[in-house]
Amino acid sequence: MSLKNFVRHRMPRAFMFLDRVKDQIEVECDTLRRLGLKSVFRGIAGATPDWQVKLPVQKARLCAIEGLQFSILQDILAHLEKEEISFSQGGHSLYLSPEQWKKSVFAPLAEDYPASAGLKIMKRLGGLNVPYLFAKGHSKVQAKYIPSHRHQALTANGLHILGIAPRLYDLLEIDGGENICAAYVVEHIEGNTPLAEECKELVHQLESLVNNGTLQLIATKGFGHDDFQGPQFNGNIIKDKKTQKTFYIDVQNFKFTHYDRFLKDIALRARNDTHFGDKVLILGGKYLYQTVPGLNIPAQRDPEKRIEALMSLLEENGITVKEKVVLDIGCNLGLTSAQYLKHGAKWVHGWDREKVIEHAEHILLGVGCTRFSLTGRSLNAESNIAEDIPQFLTDEEVIISYLAIRKHIGWMRDLAHIKWKYMMYEGHARESEEDTIRLVKQLNEIVKTRVLTQSVVNDANSPERTITIIERL
């Protein structure tokens, strides 16, 4: 009798323990081999580059639902079973389609997002700062190495920019009283598993991004994982019936190796189309209009400093953007919108020229924002922007952001047709507080208002500007 069989029959508990240890060692060795010692130990040591500190910019929502209390996963499952809600289930998450979400105890949250959104609830409780792994038997090294949900939002957004993953609308925390769970609000893809060749093409695209150093594959078995094996690909490759596009939906299997480089490439591509004002040779000629968080690239304006000054004025008057909808007229790259989301705005919708908006979408996603929508159009005083506001926002009372745009388009007539209470206004260079008072009188020909408070802001490479909070009467 071999030693192995002897131990199995005479000491079964010891054999089972040693067998589990052997399996775990194999998992850890495989993980180290795939990810590389340097990369793994850097992740375990918790090294934090500047972009990891500043991104994602968007502040997460913490939502409580009346009647929902949970301390363990089984409490959530009991709620869904009691209401006879159908859901799909993977190793780490539960998924509610838009239809089932709206029938469930989580229905109040659905009102804040597009009608096409589904809800993915993570099984591992504890909020956004824990990794997504739930089931046992996974690599302990992998668990230390992979990003938290908060930084997984960057991966989801990056893969969407690359055309691989569906849109992430939000990453939020649901408060169950005794515990918190993380939930992803995602674009629902209605479709089926694509043809084998279409699946292989998408897997090949992912392999290419791993091979060229853009992505790193976290899955323990690498591309040998069931997610990347036909014919079903573990249900994670879906072809959209409407667009006929093929998507990979389990983004947690990946992370960006050098996210700052990815973001910098997006920002530099935007430079020519979004520059305003004079060229500055020492800054590279045309340069960005707005600074990008996490990157050391020169820009004309600093949205963080700009918006902090406006937030102070709002706070002085008992006003906040938290859990409010902001309409950002003339949003440029959207980085003022990003700051509104940083201060807790529920959603931001922005307008600018079509060419600018193409870049703004990528920049906003790149800095970790999700609760936004954009319209590309040439703006003037007669533009009917009310028709651009997404349906799920039309009943909301909004705050208008009208920053350094009036000189270019005047006061928009549609301001009379949008349900707003407050406006954050920024003047142009050499426009005084007295000028603003005079200009608000022109606004009153469209809608009755009053000036609540004024101040000035001086940021980046921009001259001092007057900022004003305007109240609609």
Protein backbone atom coordinates (compact mmCIF):
# COMPACT_ATOMS: atom_id res chain seq x y z
CA MET A 1 0.00 0.00 0.00
CA SER A 2 1.37 3.44 -0.98
CA LEU A 3 1.94 6.10 1.69
CA LYS A 4 -0.82 8.23 0.12
CA ASN A 5 -3.41 5.44 0.34
CA PHE A 6 -2.23 4.54 3.84
CA VAL A 7 -2.83 8.10 5.09
CA ARG A 8 -6.16 8.32 3.22
CA HIS A 9 -7.55 5.15 4.89
CA ARG A 10 -5.90 5.34 8.33
CA MET A 11 -5.97 9.12 8.90
CA PRO A 12 -8.82 10.50 6.74
CA ARG A 13 -9.05 13.91 8.51
CA ALA A 14 -5.32 14.50 8.19
CA PHE A 15 -5.48 13.41 4.55
CA MET A 16 -8.33 15.86 3.77
CA PHE A 17 -6.46 18.69 5.50
CA LEU A 18 -3.21 18.00 3.62
CA ASP A 19 -5.11 17.64 0.36
CA ARG A 20 -6.70 21.10 0.86
CA VAL A 21 -3.28 22.56 1.69
CA LYS A 22 -1.83 21.03 -1.50
CA ASP A 23 -4.68 22.48 -3.61
CA GLN A 24 -4.24 25.91 -2.02
CA ILE A 25 -0.47 25.86 -2.64
CA GLU A 26 -1.15 25.03 -6.29
CA VAL A 27 -3.61 27.95 -6.54
CA GLU A 28 -1.13 30.39 -4.94
CA CYS A 29 1.78 29.23 -7.12
CA ASP A 30 -0.37 29.58 -10.24
CA THR A 31 -1.37 33.10 -9.17
CA LEU A 32 2.24 34.14 -8.51
CA ARG A 33 3.33 32.67 -11.85
CA ARG A 34 0.67 34.58 -13.78
CA LEU A 35 0.80 37.93 -12.02
CA GLY A 36 4.52 38.08 -11.34
CA LEU A 37 6.25 38.47 -7.98
CA LYS A 38 6.98 42.19 -8.38
CA SER A 39 3.42 43.05 -9.30
CA VAL A 40 1.88 40.95 -6.54
CA PHE A 41 4.09 42.23 -3.74
CA ARG A 42 3.61 45.82 -4.85
CA GLY A 43 -0.16 45.25 -4.61
CA ILE A 44 0.08 43.50 -1.22
CA ALA A 45 2.36 46.23 0.17
CA GLY A 46 -0.37 48.75 -0.65
CA ALA A 47 1.71 51.16 -2.75
CA THR A 48 -0.57 54.06 -3.72
CA PRO A 49 0.36 56.13 -6.78
CA ASP A 50 -1.20 59.61 -7.02
CA TRP A 51 -3.98 58.48 -9.35
CA GLN A 52 -5.07 55.78 -6.88
CA VAL A 53 -5.49 58.44 -4.21
CA LYS A 54 -7.45 60.89 -6.39
CA LEU A 55 -9.49 58.41 -8.40
CA PRO A 56 -12.30 57.65 -8.67
CA VAL A 57 -13.40 61.28 -8.26
CA GLN A 58 -17.10 60.50 -7.86
CA LYS A 59 -18.43 60.11 -4.32
CA ALA A 60 -20.34 56.88 -3.77
CA ARG A 61 -23.99 57.01 -2.72
CA LEU A 62 -25.01 55.32 0.53
CA CYS A 63 -28.68 54.34 0.22
CA ALA A 64 -31.05 52.94 2.82
CA ILE A 65 -34.27 51.23 1.75
CA GLU A 66 -37.32 51.26 3.97
CA GLY A 67 -38.18 47.75 5.11
CA LEU A 68 -34.83 46.25 4.16
CA GLN A 69 -32.62 45.02 7.02
CA PHE A 70 -29.76 42.55 6.59
CA SER A 71 -26.71 41.34 8.44
CA ILE A 72 -25.81 38.37 6.22
CA LEU A 73 -26.38 37.46 2.57
CA GLN A 74 -29.18 35.05 3.45
CA ASP A 75 -31.29 38.00 4.66
CA ILE A 76 -31.15 39.54 1.18
CA LEU A 77 -31.96 36.22 -0.46
CA ALA A 78 -34.94 35.81 1.89
CA HIS A 79 -36.30 39.22 0.81
CA LEU A 80 -36.04 38.27 -2.87
CA GLU A 81 -37.60 34.85 -2.36
CA LYS A 82 -40.45 36.30 -0.29
CA GLU A 83 -41.34 38.69 -3.12
CA GLU A 84 -40.87 35.91 -5.72
CA ILE A 85 -38.19 37.89 -7.55
CA SER A 86 -36.26 36.06 -10.25
CA PHE A 87 -32.54 36.64 -10.32
CA SER A 88 -29.45 35.11 -11.85
CA GLN A 89 -26.59 34.11 -9.61
CA GLY A 90 -22.85 33.75 -10.08
CA GLY A 91 -20.09 32.82 -7.68
CA HIS A 92 -19.76 36.36 -6.34
CA SER A 93 -22.98 38.23 -7.14
CA LEU A 94 -26.73 38.27 -7.70
CA TYR A 95 -28.22 40.04 -10.72
CA LEU A 96 -31.67 41.60 -11.12
CA SER A 97 -32.84 42.52 -14.61
CA PRO A 98 -34.52 45.95 -14.98
CA GLU A 99 -37.96 44.33 -14.80
CA GLN A 100 -37.22 42.28 -11.69
CA TRP A 101 -35.38 45.17 -10.01
CA LYS A 102 -38.48 47.36 -10.28
CA LYS A 103 -40.58 44.60 -8.61
CA SER A 104 -38.18 44.00 -5.73
CA VAL A 105 -37.53 45.64 -2.36
CA PHE A 106 -34.72 47.55 -4.15
CA ALA A 107 -37.25 49.25 -6.48
CA PRO A 108 -36.92 52.78 -4.96
CA LEU A 109 -33.31 52.91 -6.19
CA ALA A 110 -34.32 52.17 -9.79
CA GLU A 111 -36.05 55.56 -10.11
CA ASP A 112 -32.65 57.31 -10.05
CA TYR A 113 -31.22 55.53 -13.11
CA PRO A 114 -32.01 54.89 -16.79
CA ALA A 115 -34.85 52.45 -17.42
CA SER A 116 -32.40 50.04 -19.08
CA ALA A 117 -30.32 49.57 -15.90
CA GLY A 118 -30.00 46.30 -14.00
CA LEU A 119 -28.76 45.78 -10.42
CA LYS A 120 -25.80 43.55 -9.55
CA ILE A 121 -25.58 42.88 -5.78
CA MET A 122 -22.30 41.57 -4.42
CA LYS A 123 -22.48 38.52 -2.16
CA ARG A 124 -19.53 39.57 -0.04
CA LEU A 125 -20.89 42.18 2.35
CA GLY A 126 -18.91 45.11 3.68
CA GLY A 127 -19.23 47.99 1.23
CA LEU A 128 -16.99 49.31 -1.51
CA ASN A 129 -13.59 48.87 0.10
CA VAL A 130 -13.62 45.06 0.10
CA PRO A 131 -12.59 42.90 -2.88
CA TYR A 132 -15.32 41.12 -4.83
CA LEU A 133 -14.23 37.51 -4.00
CA PHE A 134 -16.91 35.62 -2.08
CA ALA A 135 -16.65 31.85 -2.41
CA LYS A 136 -13.97 29.77 -0.68
CA GLY A 137 -11.03 28.14 -2.40
CA HIS A 138 -9.61 31.28 -4.01
CA SER A 139 -6.04 32.46 -3.84
CA LYS A 140 -5.22 34.44 -0.70
CA VAL A 141 -2.55 36.25 -2.72
CA GLN A 142 -5.17 37.10 -5.34
CA ALA A 143 -7.56 38.43 -2.68
CA LYS A 144 -4.84 40.82 -1.44
CA TYR A 145 -3.82 41.85 -4.94
CA ILE A 146 -7.13 42.61 -6.62
CA PRO A 147 -8.65 46.10 -6.35
CA SER A 148 -11.55 47.01 -4.10
CA HIS A 149 -14.94 47.66 -5.69
CA ARG A 150 -14.11 51.38 -5.65
CA HIS A 151 -11.20 50.89 -8.04
CA GLN A 152 -12.99 48.17 -9.99
CA ALA A 153 -15.23 51.01 -11.23
CA LEU A 154 -12.19 52.34 -13.11
CA THR A 155 -11.70 48.94 -14.75
CA ALA A 156 -15.38 48.77 -15.73
CA ASN A 157 -15.24 52.27 -17.19
CA GLY A 158 -11.97 51.60 -19.00
CA LEU A 159 -13.31 48.42 -20.61
CA HIS A 160 -16.42 50.34 -21.68
CA ILE A 161 -14.23 53.01 -23.30
CA LEU A 162 -12.47 50.19 -25.19
CA GLY A 163 -15.88 48.93 -26.38
CA ILE A 164 -15.62 45.63 -24.48
CA ALA A 165 -17.95 46.05 -21.48
CA PRO A 166 -21.42 47.57 -21.07
CA ARG A 167 -21.86 50.95 -19.33
CA LEU A 168 -21.60 51.18 -15.55
CA TYR A 169 -24.20 53.68 -14.29
CA ASP A 170 -23.23 53.60 -10.64
CA LEU A 171 -21.41 51.81 -7.87
CA LEU A 172 -23.24 52.32 -4.61
CA GLU A 173 -23.53 51.06 -1.06
CA ILE A 174 -26.85 49.77 0.30
CA ASP A 175 -27.28 50.21 4.04
CA GLY A 176 -28.99 47.26 5.68
CA GLY A 177 -28.74 48.55 9.23
CA GLU A 178 -26.40 45.85 10.54
CA ASN A 179 -24.31 45.61 7.38
CA ILE A 180 -23.62 47.21 4.01
CA CYS A 181 -23.48 45.64 0.58
CA ALA A 182 -21.91 46.93 -2.62
CA ALA A 183 -24.09 47.06 -5.74
CA TYR A 184 -23.31 47.83 -9.37
CA VAL A 185 -25.95 49.59 -11.47
CA VAL A 186 -25.18 48.37 -14.98
CA GLU A 187 -26.50 48.67 -18.51
CA HIS A 188 -28.67 45.59 -19.06
CA ILE A 189 -27.71 43.63 -22.16
CA GLU A 190 -30.67 41.74 -23.57
CA GLY A 191 -29.30 38.99 -25.74
CA ASN A 192 -27.79 35.53 -26.00
CA THR A 193 -24.39 33.88 -26.21
CA PRO A 194 -22.89 34.93 -29.58
CA LEU A 195 -21.60 32.55 -32.19
CA ALA A 196 -18.41 30.72 -31.24
CA GLU A 197 -16.33 32.79 -33.67
CA GLU A 198 -17.67 36.06 -32.22
CA CYS A 199 -16.81 34.90 -28.70
CA LYS A 200 -13.32 33.86 -29.76
CA GLU A 201 -12.82 37.25 -31.42
CA LEU A 202 -13.68 39.06 -28.16
CA VAL A 203 -11.45 36.75 -26.12
CA HIS A 204 -8.64 37.38 -28.63
CA GLN A 205 -9.14 41.13 -28.14
CA LEU A 206 -8.80 40.70 -24.38
CA GLU A 207 -5.72 38.50 -24.83
CA SER A 208 -4.15 41.19 -27.02
CA LEU A 209 -4.75 43.85 -24.34
CA VAL A 210 -3.13 41.57 -21.76
CA ASN A 211 -0.19 40.78 -24.04
CA ASN A 212 0.50 44.45 -24.84
CA GLY A 213 0.47 45.36 -21.15
CA THR A 214 -2.77 47.37 -21.07
CA LEU A 215 -4.66 44.85 -18.91
CA GLN A 216 -3.74 42.21 -16.37
CA LEU A 217 -5.87 39.10 -16.01
CA ILE A 218 -6.71 38.37 -12.37
CA ALA A 219 -8.66 35.10 -12.81
CA THR A 220 -6.67 32.31 -11.13
CA LYS A 221 -6.73 29.98 -14.13
CA GLY A 222 -5.97 32.77 -16.60
CA PHE A 223 -7.55 32.36 -20.03
CA GLY A 224 -8.10 28.72 -19.10
CA HIS A 225 -10.95 29.96 -16.85
CA ASP A 226 -14.49 28.88 -17.83
CA ASP A 227 -15.29 32.53 -18.71
CA PHE A 228 -13.06 32.19 -21.76
CA GLN A 229 -13.96 28.64 -22.82
CA GLY A 230 -16.71 27.73 -25.28
CA PRO A 231 -19.38 26.91 -26.02
CA GLN A 232 -21.06 28.88 -23.18
CA PHE A 233 -18.15 31.02 -21.88
CA ASN A 234 -19.76 30.83 -18.43
CA GLY A 235 -22.54 33.16 -19.64
CA ASN A 236 -20.23 36.19 -19.51
CA ILE A 237 -20.09 36.97 -23.23
CA ILE A 238 -23.38 38.35 -24.54
CA LYS A 239 -24.49 39.75 -27.89
CA ASP A 240 -26.88 42.71 -27.63
CA LYS A 241 -30.04 42.06 -29.67
CA LYS A 242 -30.44 45.75 -30.52
CA THR A 243 -26.92 46.80 -31.45
CA GLN A 244 -25.52 43.37 -32.37
CA LYS A 245 -22.41 44.27 -30.35
CA THR A 246 -20.67 41.61 -28.29
CA PHE A 247 -19.81 42.41 -24.67
CA TYR A 248 -17.82 40.79 -21.88
CA ILE A 249 -19.70 41.43 -18.63
CA ASP A 250 -17.53 40.02 -15.81
CA VAL A 251 -15.06 42.92 -15.61
CA GLN A 252 -13.73 41.83 -12.19
CA ASN A 253 -11.45 39.36 -13.95
CA PHE A 254 -9.22 42.26 -15.10
CA LYS A 255 -7.34 45.32 -13.90
CA PHE A 256 -5.36 47.97 -15.77
CA THR A 257 -1.62 47.60 -15.33
CA HIS A 258 -0.81 51.32 -15.66
CA TYR A 259 -4.11 53.14 -15.38
CA ASP A 260 -2.43 56.56 -15.28
CA ARG A 261 -0.95 55.95 -18.74
CA PHE A 262 -4.35 54.89 -20.07
CA LEU A 263 -5.95 58.06 -18.65
CA LYS A 264 -3.14 60.31 -19.89
CA ASP A 265 -3.59 58.98 -23.43
CA ILE A 266 -7.31 59.83 -23.28
CA ALA A 267 -6.55 63.34 -21.96
CA LEU A 268 -3.90 64.15 -24.58
CA ARG A 269 -6.21 63.07 -27.40
CA ALA A 270 -8.71 65.68 -26.13
CA ARG A 271 -6.25 68.57 -26.12
CA ASN A 272 -6.83 70.03 -29.59
CA ASP A 273 -10.62 69.81 -29.57
CA THR A 274 -11.18 71.26 -26.11
CA HIS A 275 -8.65 74.11 -25.85
CA PHE A 276 -9.99 77.65 -25.45
CA GLY A 277 -8.00 80.86 -25.43
CA ASP A 278 -4.45 81.69 -26.53
CA LYS A 279 -1.76 79.14 -27.26
CA VAL A 280 1.05 79.00 -24.68
CA LEU A 281 4.28 77.64 -26.17
CA ILE A 282 5.89 76.67 -22.85
CA LEU A 283 2.78 74.56 -22.12
CA GLY A 284 2.87 72.84 -25.51
CA GLY A 285 0.83 75.31 -27.59
CA LYS A 286 -2.78 74.22 -27.31
CA TYR A 287 -3.34 72.75 -23.86
CA LEU A 288 -6.22 71.33 -21.85
CA TYR A 289 -8.93 73.70 -20.68
CA GLN A 290 -9.48 71.70 -17.47
CA THR A 291 -7.00 69.84 -15.25
CA VAL A 292 -7.46 66.06 -15.07
CA PRO A 293 -7.33 64.57 -11.52
CA GLY A 294 -4.47 62.11 -11.05
CA LEU A 295 -2.43 63.53 -13.94
CA ASN A 296 0.24 66.22 -13.95
CA ILE A 297 -0.81 67.90 -17.22
CA PRO A 298 -1.02 71.73 -17.50
CA ALA A 299 -4.48 73.25 -18.04
CA GLN A 300 -6.12 76.65 -18.15
CA ARG A 301 -8.66 76.00 -15.39
CA ASP A 302 -8.62 73.98 -12.14
CA PRO A 303 -12.17 72.60 -11.68
CA GLU A 304 -11.51 71.40 -8.12
CA LYS A 305 -10.55 74.86 -6.87
CA ARG A 306 -13.28 76.47 -8.94
CA ILE A 307 -16.05 74.24 -7.61
CA GLU A 308 -14.84 74.37 -4.01
CA ALA A 309 -15.35 78.15 -4.13
CA LEU A 310 -18.88 77.68 -5.48
CA MET A 311 -19.66 75.00 -2.87
CA SER A 312 -18.67 77.45 -0.13
CA LEU A 313 -21.12 80.01 -1.50
CA LEU A 314 -23.88 77.41 -1.65
CA GLU A 315 -23.15 76.25 1.89
CA GLU A 316 -23.34 79.83 3.20
CA ASN A 317 -26.92 79.91 1.93
CA GLY A 318 -27.93 76.45 3.17
CA ILE A 319 -27.81 74.94 -0.34
CA THR A 320 -26.08 71.71 -1.41
CA VAL A 321 -25.64 69.68 -4.58
CA LYS A 322 -25.72 66.46 -2.55
CA GLU A 323 -28.39 64.09 -3.92
CA LYS A 324 -29.41 66.80 -6.43
CA VAL A 325 -29.36 66.78 -10.22
CA VAL A 326 -27.00 69.33 -11.79
CA LEU A 327 -27.35 70.55 -15.39
CA ASP A 328 -23.90 71.62 -16.61
CA ILE A 329 -24.34 73.96 -19.59
CA GLY A 330 -21.06 74.30 -21.48
CA CYS A 331 -19.40 71.43 -19.63
CA ASN A 332 -16.24 71.18 -21.79
CA LEU A 333 -14.39 67.99 -20.73
CA GLY A 334 -16.90 67.44 -17.91
CA LEU A 335 -14.41 67.90 -15.10
CA THR A 336 -16.61 70.46 -13.35
CA SER A 337 -19.34 67.81 -13.61
CA ALA A 338 -16.89 65.38 -11.99
CA GLN A 339 -16.48 67.79 -9.08
CA TYR A 340 -20.26 68.03 -8.60
CA LEU A 341 -20.30 64.23 -8.40
CA LYS A 342 -17.42 64.38 -5.93
CA HIS A 343 -19.61 66.59 -3.74
CA GLY A 344 -22.42 64.02 -3.87
CA ALA A 345 -24.61 65.07 -6.82
CA LYS A 346 -27.09 62.35 -7.70
CA TRP A 347 -26.67 62.87 -11.45
CA VAL A 348 -25.15 65.42 -13.85
CA HIS A 349 -26.22 66.10 -17.43
CA GLY A 350 -23.86 68.20 -19.54
CA TRP A 351 -23.93 70.00 -22.89
CA ASP A 352 -21.16 71.12 -25.23
CA ARG A 353 -20.14 70.85 -28.88
CA GLU A 354 -20.32 67.33 -30.34
CA LYS A 355 -16.58 67.07 -30.85
CA VAL A 356 -15.96 68.09 -27.23
CA ILE A 357 -18.60 65.71 -25.84
CA GLU A 358 -16.92 62.71 -27.49
CA HIS A 359 -13.86 63.42 -25.36
CA ALA A 360 -15.88 64.44 -22.28
CA GLU A 361 -17.52 61.02 -22.08
CA HIS A 362 -14.15 59.26 -22.06
CA ILE A 363 -12.60 61.71 -19.60
CA LEU A 364 -15.52 61.44 -17.15
CA LEU A 365 -15.44 57.65 -17.33
CA GLY A 366 -11.66 57.75 -17.08
CA VAL A 367 -11.67 59.63 -13.76
CA GLY A 368 -14.20 57.17 -12.34
CA CYS A 369 -17.51 59.00 -12.85
CA THR A 370 -20.65 57.09 -13.82
CA ARG A 371 -23.71 59.14 -12.82
CA PHE A 372 -23.75 61.36 -15.86
CA SER A 373 -25.22 61.81 -19.32
CA LEU A 374 -24.17 64.18 -22.09
CA THR A 375 -25.60 65.93 -25.14
CA GLY A 376 -23.43 67.15 -28.00
CA ARG A 377 -24.79 70.20 -29.83
CA SER A 378 -23.87 73.76 -30.75
CA LEU A 379 -25.49 75.95 -28.11
CA ASN A 380 -27.10 79.35 -28.54
CA ALA A 381 -29.77 81.37 -26.77
CA GLU A 382 -32.57 79.61 -28.71
CA SER A 383 -31.38 76.02 -28.17
CA ASN A 384 -34.13 73.76 -26.84
CA ILE A 385 -32.07 71.91 -24.24
CA ALA A 386 -35.08 70.81 -22.15
CA GLU A 387 -35.77 68.07 -24.70
CA ASP A 388 -32.27 66.63 -24.12
CA ILE A 389 -32.79 65.92 -20.42
CA PRO A 390 -33.13 62.13 -19.85
CA GLN A 391 -36.65 60.96 -18.99
CA PHE A 392 -35.75 59.72 -15.51
CA LEU A 393 -34.55 63.23 -14.57
CA THR A 394 -37.51 65.26 -15.84
CA ASP A 395 -39.37 65.32 -12.51
CA GLU A 396 -36.31 66.41 -10.54
CA GLU A 397 -35.74 69.96 -9.33
CA VAL A 398 -32.27 70.78 -10.61
CA ILE A 399 -29.38 73.15 -10.02
CA ILE A 400 -28.01 74.93 -13.10
CA SER A 401 -24.26 75.23 -13.70
CA TYR A 402 -23.64 78.24 -16.02
CA LEU A 403 -19.89 78.72 -15.86
CA ALA A 404 -18.06 81.08 -18.26
CA ILE A 405 -20.60 80.36 -21.01
CA ARG A 406 -22.94 83.42 -21.11
CA LYS A 407 -20.54 85.51 -23.23
CA HIS A 408 -20.62 82.80 -25.92
CA ILE A 409 -24.35 81.95 -25.99
CA GLY A 410 -26.15 84.63 -23.96
CA TRP A 411 -28.99 83.68 -21.61
CA MET A 412 -30.83 80.62 -22.94
CA ARG A 413 -34.57 81.02 -23.45
CA ASP A 414 -35.10 77.43 -22.32
CA LEU A 415 -34.11 78.42 -18.78
CA ALA A 416 -37.79 79.36 -18.44
CA HIS A 417 -38.88 75.79 -19.27
CA ILE A 418 -36.54 73.83 -16.98
CA LYS A 419 -37.50 73.20 -13.36
CA TRP A 420 -34.57 74.78 -11.51
CA LYS A 421 -34.26 76.60 -8.20
CA TYR A 422 -30.62 77.72 -8.06
CA MET A 423 -27.93 78.63 -10.60
CA MET A 424 -24.17 78.63 -10.11
CA TYR A 425 -22.91 81.42 -12.37
CA GLU A 426 -19.34 82.29 -13.28
CA GLY A 427 -18.51 85.44 -15.22
CA HIS A 428 -15.84 85.99 -17.82
CA ALA A 429 -12.45 87.67 -17.51
CA ARG A 430 -12.75 91.33 -16.42
CA GLU A 431 -16.46 90.92 -15.63
CA SER A 432 -17.07 92.62 -12.28
CA GLU A 433 -19.68 91.93 -9.60
CA GLU A 434 -21.51 95.05 -10.81
CA ASP A 435 -21.49 93.64 -14.35
CA THR A 436 -23.05 90.43 -13.05
CA ILE A 437 -25.86 92.36 -11.33
CA ARG A 438 -26.57 94.13 -14.64
CA LEU A 439 -26.50 90.85 -16.58
CA VAL A 440 -28.88 89.17 -14.14
CA LYS A 441 -31.39 91.93 -14.98
CA GLN A 442 -31.22 90.67 -18.57
CA LEU A 443 -31.85 87.12 -17.30
CA ASN A 444 -34.97 88.43 -15.54
CA GLU A 445 -36.53 89.09 -18.94
CA ILE A 446 -36.64 85.29 -19.34
CA VAL A 447 -37.20 84.12 -15.74
CA LYS A 448 -37.47 86.05 -12.49
CA THR A 449 -34.40 85.69 -10.26
CA ARG A 450 -32.32 87.38 -7.60
CA VAL A 451 -28.65 87.32 -6.64
CA LEU A 452 -28.08 85.53 -3.33
CA THR A 453 -24.33 85.96 -2.90
CA GLN A 454 -21.12 86.71 -4.82
CA SER A 455 -17.40 86.11 -4.54
CA VAL A 456 -14.35 85.64 -6.77
CA VAL A 457 -12.22 82.67 -7.82
CA ASN A 458 -8.67 82.62 -9.17
CA ASP A 459 -7.45 79.24 -10.42
CA ALA A 460 -4.71 77.72 -12.60
CA ASN A 461 -3.85 79.91 -15.60
CA SER A 462 -7.08 81.91 -15.54
CA PRO A 463 -7.58 85.52 -14.42
CA GLU A 464 -9.83 86.24 -11.45
CA ARG A 465 -13.52 85.56 -12.13
CA THR A 466 -16.70 86.63 -10.37
CA ILE A 467 -18.85 83.73 -9.12
CA THR A 468 -22.48 84.15 -8.14
CA ILE A 469 -25.35 82.10 -6.72
CA ILE A 470 -28.65 83.04 -8.36
CA GLU A 471 -32.06 82.02 -6.98
CA ARG A 472 -35.13 81.58 -9.14
CA LEU A 473 -38.18 83.35 -7.73
